[in-house]
Amino acid sequence: MSTEADNVINELRLAARIVELSALRHTPAGIPVLSCVLAHESRQIEAGIEREARLELSAMAIGELAQTLAAAAPGTSVSVTGFMAAKSARSRMPVLHLNTIEFMEGN
């Protein structure tokens, strides 16, 4: 059975550079988890005017993706997809939960 919440889009696709990687940790159930900071820079069109878009975004990977990301180094260029969620029940700060990561050529 589908609900209205099932049809809400929450997907982010971003080309970025890894700025920070935390140490790989494991949940009490033994699932690998890794947090990182991604930086993005590009030129975008807004209201017909070109502008610079720069940001840093907290992200996290779970499971096999966390292990894959742990092997990367800061400065590595990546293309990622994921969804946005609050950091925790206490902190409403946004975090990108990674679903895919592709390491870009030339790293």
Foldseek 3Di string as FASTA:
>chain_A
DDDPVNPDDFKDKAKWFWAFKDDWDADPVGKTKIKTKTWHWDWDADPNDIDIDIDIAIEMEIHPVNVVVNPDDGGWIKIWMFGWAAPDPVGRGIYGYTDDIDTDPPD
